[in-house]
Amino acid sequence: MAAHEEIEYATAEGNDYPAHERTYENFLLMTVIGVFNALNICVALTIGGVKGAWWTAFAVIVAASLVSIHGLATGAKVPSYVMLVLALLILALR
């Protein structure tokens, strides 16, 4: 039978808690940037479908993709927020 003792993670050999934290932070970064990239693409498709400005929609998709790549490379989330605001402004003013 297996032992039913309390497991001490802090003293367990091979336990790399800082690596787990980094992995979780990277997962959250990828999730936030991915969600905002998907929202930017949805707004761009709305610009193309509702307003009929497909070249503008294409430009928004390209810019959102570049911003997402930049965010993943540097760890910055703010450019994704700014890109969504710009896409919404383009939708409102176009």
C-alpha atoms as a PDB file:
ATOM      1  CA  MET A   1       0.000   0.000   0.000  1.00  0.00           C
ATOM      2  CA  ALA A   2       1.034   3.566  -0.578  1.00  0.00           C
ATOM      3  CA  ALA A   3       1.994   5.704   2.360  1.00  0.00           C
ATOM      4  CA  HIS A   4      -0.647   8.239   3.350  1.00  0.00           C
ATOM      5  CA  GLU A   5       1.685  10.768   4.866  1.00  0.00           C
ATOM      6  CA  GLU A   6       1.542  14.507   4.340  1.00  0.00           C
ATOM      7  CA  ILE A   7       3.681  15.566   1.367  1.00  0.00           C
ATOM      8  CA  GLU A   8       6.077  18.412   2.056  1.00  0.00           C
ATOM      9  CA  TYR A   9       6.439  20.262  -1.237  1.00  0.00           C
ATOM     10  CA  ALA A  10       8.844  22.835   0.142  1.00  0.00           C
ATOM     11  CA  THR A  11      11.357  20.172   1.087  1.00  0.00           C
ATOM     12  CA  ALA A  12      10.738  17.732  -1.766  1.00  0.00           C
ATOM     13  CA  GLU A  13      13.706  17.072  -3.989  1.00  0.00           C
ATOM     14  CA  GLY A  14      13.302  18.230  -7.559  1.00  0.00           C
ATOM     15  CA  ASN A  15      10.618  20.757  -6.663  1.00  0.00           C
ATOM     16  CA  ASP A  16      11.250  23.875  -8.730  1.00  0.00           C
ATOM     17  CA  TYR A  17       8.615  26.319  -7.505  1.00  0.00           C
ATOM     18  CA  PRO A  18      10.111  29.414  -9.241  1.00  0.00           C
ATOM     19  CA  ALA A  19       9.911  27.576 -12.573  1.00  0.00           C
ATOM     20  CA  HIS A  20       6.243  26.801 -11.891  1.00  0.00           C
ATOM     21  CA  GLU A  21       5.584  30.476 -11.172  1.00  0.00           C
ATOM     22  CA  ARG A  22       7.330  31.569 -14.391  1.00  0.00           C
ATOM     23  CA  THR A  23       5.321  29.041 -16.379  1.00  0.00           C
ATOM     24  CA  TYR A  24       2.083  30.317 -14.849  1.00  0.00           C
ATOM     25  CA  GLU A  25       2.995  33.941 -15.544  1.00  0.00           C
ATOM     26  CA  ASN A  26       3.836  33.063 -19.160  1.00  0.00           C
ATOM     27  CA  PHE A  27       0.518  31.227 -19.475  1.00  0.00           C
ATOM     28  CA  LEU A  28      -1.366  34.272 -18.197  1.00  0.00           C
ATOM     29  CA  LEU A  29       0.555  36.550 -20.582  1.00  0.00           C
ATOM     30  CA  MET A  30      -0.237  34.318 -23.549  1.00  0.00           C
ATOM     31  CA  THR A  31      -3.884  34.120 -22.524  1.00  0.00           C
ATOM     32  CA  VAL A  32      -4.312  37.899 -22.170  1.00  0.00           C
ATOM     33  CA  ILE A  33      -2.528  38.671 -25.411  1.00  0.00           C
ATOM     34  CA  GLY A  34      -4.406  35.900 -27.240  1.00  0.00           C
ATOM     35  CA  VAL A  35      -7.785  37.143 -26.028  1.00  0.00           C
ATOM     36  CA  PHE A  36      -7.020  40.709 -27.050  1.00  0.00           C
ATOM     37  CA  ASN A  37      -5.727  39.535 -30.435  1.00  0.00           C
ATOM     38  CA  ALA A  38      -8.972  37.605 -30.976  1.00  0.00           C
ATOM     39  CA  LEU A  39     -10.987  40.684 -29.986  1.00  0.00           C
ATOM     40  CA  ASN A  40      -8.970  42.822 -32.411  1.00  0.00           C
ATOM     41  CA  ILE A  41      -9.655  40.359 -35.217  1.00  0.00           C
ATOM     42  CA  CYS A  42     -13.370  40.377 -34.395  1.00  0.00           C
ATOM     43  CA  VAL A  43     -13.425  44.183 -34.483  1.00  0.00           C
ATOM     44  CA  ALA A  44     -11.504  44.135 -37.776  1.00  0.00           C
ATOM     45  CA  LEU A  45     -14.014  41.726 -39.294  1.00  0.00           C
ATOM     46  CA  THR A  46     -16.784  44.029 -38.075  1.00  0.00           C
ATOM     47  CA  ILE A  47     -15.041  46.954 -39.771  1.00  0.00           C
ATOM     48  CA  GLY A  48     -14.890  44.983 -42.994  1.00  0.00           C
ATOM     49  CA  GLY A  49     -18.359  43.487 -42.832  1.00  0.00           C
ATOM     50  CA  VAL A  50     -20.391  46.394 -41.518  1.00  0.00           C
ATOM     51  CA  LYS A  51     -18.477  49.340 -42.901  1.00  0.00           C
ATOM     52  CA  GLY A  52     -17.236  47.638 -46.071  1.00  0.00           C
ATOM     53  CA  ALA A  53     -13.672  48.825 -45.424  1.00  0.00           C
ATOM     54  CA  TRP A  54     -11.847  45.564 -46.024  1.00  0.00           C
ATOM     55  CA  TRP A  55      -8.404  47.154 -46.564  1.00  0.00           C
ATOM     56  CA  THR A  56      -8.727  48.934 -43.249  1.00  0.00           C
ATOM     57  CA  ALA A  57      -9.789  45.659 -41.652  1.00  0.00           C
ATOM     58  CA  PHE A  58      -6.754  43.938 -43.143  1.00  0.00           C
ATOM     59  CA  ALA A  59      -4.511  46.697 -41.772  1.00  0.00           C
ATOM     60  CA  VAL A  60      -6.028  46.284 -38.305  1.00  0.00           C
ATOM     61  CA  ILE A  61      -5.458  42.510 -38.419  1.00  0.00           C
ATOM     62  CA  VAL A  62      -1.834  42.964 -39.470  1.00  0.00           C
ATOM     63  CA  ALA A  63      -1.231  45.624 -36.810  1.00  0.00           C
ATOM     64  CA  ALA A  64      -2.908  43.494 -34.124  1.00  0.00           C
ATOM     65  CA  SER A  65      -0.770  40.503 -35.085  1.00  0.00           C
ATOM     66  CA  LEU A  66       2.412  42.573 -34.904  1.00  0.00           C
ATOM     67  CA  VAL A  67       1.392  43.990 -31.541  1.00  0.00           C
ATOM     68  CA  SER A  68       0.702  40.471 -30.275  1.00  0.00           C
ATOM     69  CA  ILE A  69       4.102  39.246 -31.427  1.00  0.00           C
ATOM     70  CA  HIS A  70       5.718  42.246 -29.749  1.00  0.00           C
ATOM     71  CA  GLY A  71       3.802  41.575 -26.538  1.00  0.00           C
ATOM     72  CA  LEU A  72       4.806  37.927 -26.459  1.00  0.00           C
ATOM     73  CA  ALA A  73       8.444  38.793 -27.130  1.00  0.00           C
ATOM     74  CA  THR A  74       8.701  41.537 -24.506  1.00  0.00           C
ATOM     75  CA  GLY A  75       6.063  40.507 -21.975  1.00  0.00           C
ATOM     76  CA  ALA A  76       4.114  43.760 -22.388  1.00  0.00           C
ATOM     77  CA  LYS A  77       0.313  43.670 -22.160  1.00  0.00           C
ATOM     78  CA  VAL A  78      -0.437  47.379 -22.592  1.00  0.00           C
ATOM     79  CA  PRO A  79       0.126  47.495 -26.387  1.00  0.00           C
ATOM     80  CA  SER A  80      -2.622  44.900 -26.811  1.00  0.00           C
ATOM     81  CA  TYR A  81      -5.013  47.083 -24.822  1.00  0.00           C
ATOM     82  CA  VAL A  82      -4.056  50.140 -26.866  1.00  0.00           C
ATOM     83  CA  MET A  83      -4.533  48.241 -30.135  1.00  0.00           C
ATOM     84  CA  LEU A  84      -8.049  47.232 -29.117  1.00  0.00           C
ATOM     85  CA  VAL A  85      -8.921  50.841 -28.278  1.00  0.00           C
ATOM     86  CA  LEU A  86      -7.525  51.983 -31.648  1.00  0.00           C
ATOM     87  CA  ALA A  87      -9.499  49.303 -33.487  1.00  0.00           C
ATOM     88  CA  LEU A  88     -12.683  50.365 -31.699  1.00  0.00           C
ATOM     89  CA  LEU A  89     -11.985  54.004 -32.574  1.00  0.00           C
ATOM     90  CA  ILE A  90     -11.496  53.059 -36.212  1.00  0.00           C
ATOM     91  CA  LEU A  91     -14.808  51.198 -36.089  1.00  0.00           C
ATOM     92  CA  ALA A  92     -16.569  54.200 -34.561  1.00  0.00           C
ATOM     93  CA  LEU A  93     -15.064  56.850 -36.816  1.00  0.00           C
ATOM     94  CA  ARG A  94     -14.938  55.030 -40.148  1.00  0.00           C
END
